[in-house]
C-alpha atoms as a PDB file:
ATOM      1  CA  MET A   1       5.438 118.270  23.626  1.00  0.00           C
ATOM      2  CA  ALA A   2       2.846 116.054  21.378  1.00  0.00           C
ATOM      3  CA  VAL A   3       3.632 113.058  18.689  1.00  0.00           C
ATOM      4  CA  THR A   4       2.424 112.288  16.120  1.00  0.00           C
ATOM      5  CA  LEU A   5       0.478 108.861  16.164  1.00  0.00           C
ATOM      6  CA  ASP A   6      -0.324 107.090  13.235  1.00  0.00           C
ATOM      7  CA  ALA A   7      -2.870 104.152  12.957  1.00  0.00           C
ATOM      8  CA  LEU A   8       0.170 101.755  13.898  1.00  0.00           C
ATOM      9  CA  ASP A   9       0.842 103.573  16.823  1.00  0.00           C
ATOM     10  CA  ARG A  10      -2.228 103.812  18.237  1.00  0.00           C
ATOM     11  CA  LEU A  11      -2.526  99.402  17.428  1.00  0.00           C
ATOM     12  CA  VAL A  12       1.321  99.351  18.943  1.00  0.00           C
ATOM     13  CA  LEU A  13      -0.176 101.374  22.213  1.00  0.00           C
ATOM     14  CA  ALA A  14      -3.827 100.111  22.474  1.00  0.00           C
ATOM     15  CA  GLU A  15      -2.489  96.141  22.488  1.00  0.00           C
ATOM     16  CA  LEU A  16       0.744  97.237  24.947  1.00  0.00           C
ATOM     17  CA  GLN A  17      -1.679  98.585  27.332  1.00  0.00           C
ATOM     18  CA  ARG A  18      -3.909  95.817  27.894  1.00  0.00           C
ATOM     19  CA  ASP A  19      -1.151  92.938  27.935  1.00  0.00           C
ATOM     20  CA  ALA A  20       2.686  94.738  28.328  1.00  0.00           C
ATOM     21  CA  ARG A  21       4.434  91.348  27.796  1.00  0.00           C
ATOM     22  CA  ARG A  22       2.708  90.226  24.454  1.00  0.00           C
ATOM     23  CA  SER A  23       6.237  89.484  22.103  1.00  0.00           C
ATOM     24  CA  ASN A  24       7.296  92.178  19.675  1.00  0.00           C
ATOM     25  CA  LYS A  25       6.504  88.886  16.662  1.00  0.00           C
ATOM     26  CA  ALA A  26       2.617  88.524  17.994  1.00  0.00           C
ATOM     27  CA  LEU A  27       2.232  92.161  18.269  1.00  0.00           C
ATOM     28  CA  ALA A  28       3.764  92.339  14.390  1.00  0.00           C
ATOM     29  CA  ASP A  29       1.648  89.427  13.684  1.00  0.00           C
ATOM     30  CA  LEU A  30      -1.620  91.283  14.388  1.00  0.00           C
ATOM     31  CA  ALA A  31      -0.516  94.557  12.156  1.00  0.00           C
ATOM     32  CA  GLY A  32       0.664  92.132   9.828  1.00  0.00           C
ATOM     33  CA  VAL A  33       4.040  93.821   9.583  1.00  0.00           C
ATOM     34  CA  ALA A  34       7.896  92.787   9.914  1.00  0.00           C
ATOM     35  CA  PRO A  35       9.824  92.248  13.031  1.00  0.00           C
ATOM     36  CA  SER A  36      12.260  94.627  12.776  1.00  0.00           C
ATOM     37  CA  THR A  37       9.548  97.569  12.169  1.00  0.00           C
ATOM     38  CA  MET A  38       7.454  96.859  15.159  1.00  0.00           C
ATOM     39  CA  LEU A  39      10.426  96.726  17.275  1.00  0.00           C
ATOM     40  CA  ALA A  40      11.605 100.328  15.433  1.00  0.00           C
ATOM     41  CA  ARG A  41       8.178 101.403  16.046  1.00  0.00           C
ATOM     42  CA  VAL A  42       7.946 100.810  19.802  1.00  0.00           C
ATOM     43  CA  ARG A  43      11.395 101.906  20.374  1.00  0.00           C
ATOM     44  CA  ARG A  44      10.651 105.066  18.399  1.00  0.00           C
ATOM     45  CA  LEU A  45       7.737 105.301  21.260  1.00  0.00           C
ATOM     46  CA  GLU A  46       9.666 105.005  24.346  1.00  0.00           C
ATOM     47  CA  GLU A  47      12.523 107.236  22.387  1.00  0.00           C
ATOM     48  CA  ALA A  48       9.238 109.686  22.324  1.00  0.00           C
ATOM     49  CA  GLY A  49       8.422 109.439  25.889  1.00  0.00           C
ATOM     50  CA  VAL A  50       4.985 108.104  24.766  1.00  0.00           C
ATOM     51  CA  ILE A  51       5.737 104.882  26.461  1.00  0.00           C
ATOM     52  CA  THR A  52       7.327 105.508  29.553  1.00  0.00           C
ATOM     53  CA  GLY A  53       7.289 102.288  31.033  1.00  0.00           C
ATOM     54  CA  TYR A  54       6.108  98.659  31.374  1.00  0.00           C
ATOM     55  CA  HIS A  55       4.846  97.062  34.678  1.00  0.00           C
ATOM     56  CA  ALA A  56       2.298  94.750  36.575  1.00  0.00           C
ATOM     57  CA  VAL A  57      -1.469  96.166  38.186  1.00  0.00           C
ATOM     58  CA  VAL A  58      -0.626  94.944  42.054  1.00  0.00           C
ATOM     59  CA  ASP A  59      -3.988  94.068  43.893  1.00  0.00           C
ATOM     60  CA  HIS A  60      -3.787  96.634  46.812  1.00  0.00           C
ATOM     61  CA  ARG A  61      -5.401  93.872  49.248  1.00  0.00           C
ATOM     62  CA  ALA A  62      -3.491  91.262  47.785  1.00  0.00           C
ATOM     63  CA  VAL A  63      -0.696  92.502  49.090  1.00  0.00           C
ATOM     64  CA  GLY A  64      -2.509  93.416  52.760  1.00  0.00           C
ATOM     65  CA  ARG A  65      -3.019  96.727  51.985  1.00  0.00           C
ATOM     66  CA  THR A  66      -6.407  97.120  53.269  1.00  0.00           C
ATOM     67  CA  VAL A  67      -7.184 100.662  53.278  1.00  0.00           C
ATOM     68  CA  ARG A  68      -6.948 103.348  50.969  1.00  0.00           C
ATOM     69  CA  ALA A  69      -7.012 107.310  51.430  1.00  0.00           C
ATOM     70  CA  VAL A  70      -6.654 110.457  50.101  1.00  0.00           C
ATOM     71  CA  VAL A  71      -5.326 113.160  51.922  1.00  0.00           C
ATOM     72  CA  SER A  72      -6.075 116.869  50.730  1.00  0.00           C
ATOM     73  CA  VAL A  73      -3.038 119.154  52.658  1.00  0.00           C
ATOM     74  CA  ARG A  74      -2.874 123.020  52.545  1.00  0.00           C
ATOM     75  CA  LEU A  75       0.784 124.654  52.966  1.00  0.00           C
ATOM     76  CA  GLN A  76       2.408 127.490  53.909  1.00  0.00           C
ATOM     77  CA  PRO A  77       4.705 129.538  52.403  1.00  0.00           C
ATOM     78  CA  LYS A  78       3.125 128.452  49.008  1.00  0.00           C
ATOM     79  CA  SER A  79       6.542 128.430  47.602  1.00  0.00           C
ATOM     80  CA  SER A  80       8.207 125.734  45.238  1.00  0.00           C
ATOM     81  CA  GLU A  81      10.580 125.716  46.935  1.00  0.00           C
ATOM     82  CA  VAL A  82       8.200 124.726  50.107  1.00  0.00           C
ATOM     83  CA  VAL A  83       5.900 122.275  48.136  1.00  0.00           C
ATOM     84  CA  ALA A  84       8.763 120.607  46.449  1.00  0.00           C
ATOM     85  CA  ALA A  85      10.351 119.579  50.013  1.00  0.00           C
ATOM     86  CA  PHE A  86       6.936 118.498  50.880  1.00  0.00           C
ATOM     87  CA  ILE A  87       6.271 116.274  47.962  1.00  0.00           C
ATOM     88  CA  ASP A  88       9.878 114.968  48.367  1.00  0.00           C
ATOM     89  CA  ALA A  89       9.537 113.841  51.694  1.00  0.00           C
ATOM     90  CA  VAL A  90       5.737 112.221  51.003  1.00  0.00           C
ATOM     91  CA  TRP A  91       7.011 110.480  47.845  1.00  0.00           C
ATOM     92  CA  GLN A  92       9.767 108.288  50.434  1.00  0.00           C
ATOM     93  CA  LEU A  93       6.562 107.387  52.497  1.00  0.00           C
ATOM     94  CA  ASP A  94       5.812 103.987  51.984  1.00  0.00           C
ATOM     95  CA  GLU A  95       2.070 104.287  52.057  1.00  0.00           C
ATOM     96  CA  THR A  96       1.807 106.568  49.474  1.00  0.00           C
ATOM     97  CA  VAL A  97       1.016 105.227  45.999  1.00  0.00           C
ATOM     98  CA  GLY A  98       0.280 109.003  44.166  1.00  0.00           C
ATOM     99  CA  ILE A  99       0.501 112.996  44.686  1.00  0.00           C
ATOM    100  CA  SER A 100      -1.318 115.369  42.063  1.00  0.00           C
ATOM    101  CA  LEU A 101      -0.621 118.701  42.811  1.00  0.00           C
ATOM    102  CA  THR A 102      -3.911 120.580  42.818  1.00  0.00           C
ATOM    103  CA  THR A 103      -5.754 124.235  42.470  1.00  0.00           C
ATOM    104  CA  GLY A 104      -8.380 125.370  44.896  1.00  0.00           C
ATOM    105  CA  THR A 105      -8.577 124.583  47.717  1.00  0.00           C
ATOM    106  CA  TYR A 106      -5.619 122.400  49.536  1.00  0.00           C
ATOM    107  CA  ASP A 107      -2.210 122.139  47.697  1.00  0.00           C
ATOM    108  CA  VAL A 108      -1.715 118.557  46.814  1.00  0.00           C
ATOM    109  CA  LEU A 109      -3.331 115.409  47.054  1.00  0.00           C
ATOM    110  CA  VAL A 110      -1.464 112.894  48.855  1.00  0.00           C
ATOM    111  CA  HIS A 111      -2.731 108.766  47.883  1.00  0.00           C
ATOM    112  CA  LEU A 112      -2.231 105.973  50.592  1.00  0.00           C
ATOM    113  CA  SER A 113      -2.677 102.864  50.325  1.00  0.00           C
ATOM    114  CA  ALA A 114      -2.039 101.422  54.074  1.00  0.00           C
ATOM    115  CA  ALA A 115      -2.022  97.682  56.090  1.00  0.00           C
ATOM    116  CA  ASP A 116      -5.509  99.636  58.585  1.00  0.00           C
ATOM    117  CA  VAL A 117      -6.517 102.237  60.289  1.00  0.00           C
ATOM    118  CA  THR A 118      -4.438 102.157  62.680  1.00  0.00           C
ATOM    119  CA  SER A 119      -1.174 102.670  60.581  1.00  0.00           C
ATOM    120  CA  LEU A 120      -3.114 104.745  57.715  1.00  0.00           C
ATOM    121  CA  GLY A 121      -3.728 107.296  61.035  1.00  0.00           C
ATOM    122  CA  GLU A 122       0.060 106.952  62.402  1.00  0.00           C
ATOM    123  CA  ARG A 123       0.895 108.652  59.234  1.00  0.00           C
ATOM    124  CA  LEU A 124      -0.995 111.182  58.834  1.00  0.00           C
ATOM    125  CA  LEU A 125      -0.607 112.494  61.877  1.00  0.00           C
ATOM    126  CA  ASN A 126       3.724 111.429  62.245  1.00  0.00           C
ATOM    127  CA  ASP A 127       4.683 112.088  58.394  1.00  0.00           C
ATOM    128  CA  ILE A 128       1.830 114.644  57.093  1.00  0.00           C
ATOM    129  CA  ALA A 129       0.005 117.115  59.739  1.00  0.00           C
ATOM    130  CA  SER A 130       3.366 117.022  61.206  1.00  0.00           C
ATOM    131  CA  PHE A 131       5.252 118.405  58.190  1.00  0.00           C
ATOM    132  CA  ASP A 132       6.150 122.040  58.874  1.00  0.00           C
ATOM    133  CA  ASN A 133       4.182 124.352  56.664  1.00  0.00           C
ATOM    134  CA  VAL A 134       1.103 121.806  56.570  1.00  0.00           C
ATOM    135  CA  VAL A 135      -1.080 124.331  57.913  1.00  0.00           C
ATOM    136  CA  ALA A 136      -4.701 122.164  57.049  1.00  0.00           C
ATOM    137  CA  GLU A 137      -5.187 118.126  56.191  1.00  0.00           C
ATOM    138  CA  HIS A 138      -8.488 117.400  55.246  1.00  0.00           C
ATOM    139  CA  THR A 139      -8.423 112.757  55.132  1.00  0.00           C
ATOM    140  CA  SER A 140     -10.700 111.023  53.364  1.00  0.00           C
ATOM    141  CA  LEU A 141     -10.786 107.390  53.135  1.00  0.00           C
ATOM    142  CA  VAL A 142     -11.755 105.158  50.273  1.00  0.00           C
ATOM    143  CA  LEU A 143     -14.625 103.274  50.056  1.00  0.00           C
ATOM    144  CA  GLU A 144     -13.849 102.370  46.309  1.00  0.00           C
ATOM    145  CA  HIS A 145     -11.511 102.251  43.474  1.00  0.00           C
ATOM    146  CA  ARG A 146     -11.466 102.273  39.979  1.00  0.00           C
ATOM    147  CA  GLU A 147      -8.325 103.040  37.882  1.00  0.00           C
ATOM    148  CA  LYS A 148      -8.302 102.487  33.955  1.00  0.00           C
ATOM    149  CA  THR A 149      -5.467 100.968  32.666  1.00  0.00           C
ATOM    150  CA  THR A 150      -6.058 101.641  29.667  1.00  0.00           C
ATOM    151  CA  LEU A 151      -5.555 105.603  28.233  1.00  0.00           C
ATOM    152  CA  PRO A 152      -7.124 105.641  24.568  1.00  0.00           C
ATOM    153  CA  VAL A 153      -5.091 108.127  22.184  1.00  0.00           C
ATOM    154  CA  LEU A 154      -7.295 110.704  21.198  1.00  0.00           C
ATOM    155  CA  ASP A 155      -7.752 112.331  18.227  1.00  0.00           C
ATOM    156  CA  GLY A 156      -5.956 115.251  17.147  1.00  0.00           C
END
């Protein structure tokens, strides 16, 4: 369910996405409100599920993950139980950094980040392609990846 966001909410979201370590006092000063007002606003956004967490963005290469891939997977039978079991199993893999449930030719996209091509290949053969209900998979190596770390709030 969408939450109605006002100008102060939008400012808070924009600033925390830019720097989640920004202090409550700094946010309050920027917005021209009391620190208690800012704290209440941030807590309301958290409780409403608009802000779902805070984290550090880590460079994959800096931690030894030099190969990224997207694995498109088709499952049979295509039941909610089979899909859930596959997603649960793949989510546990250290190389998995994202999963998308999709429509079209493939059912699931698995985003992987591995140390090298050999470890990626082992993970694909031993844990993804060998899953009982996988009937087709297609792996694409990622040559470049960009991801926005800020999400502008849409009007509406």
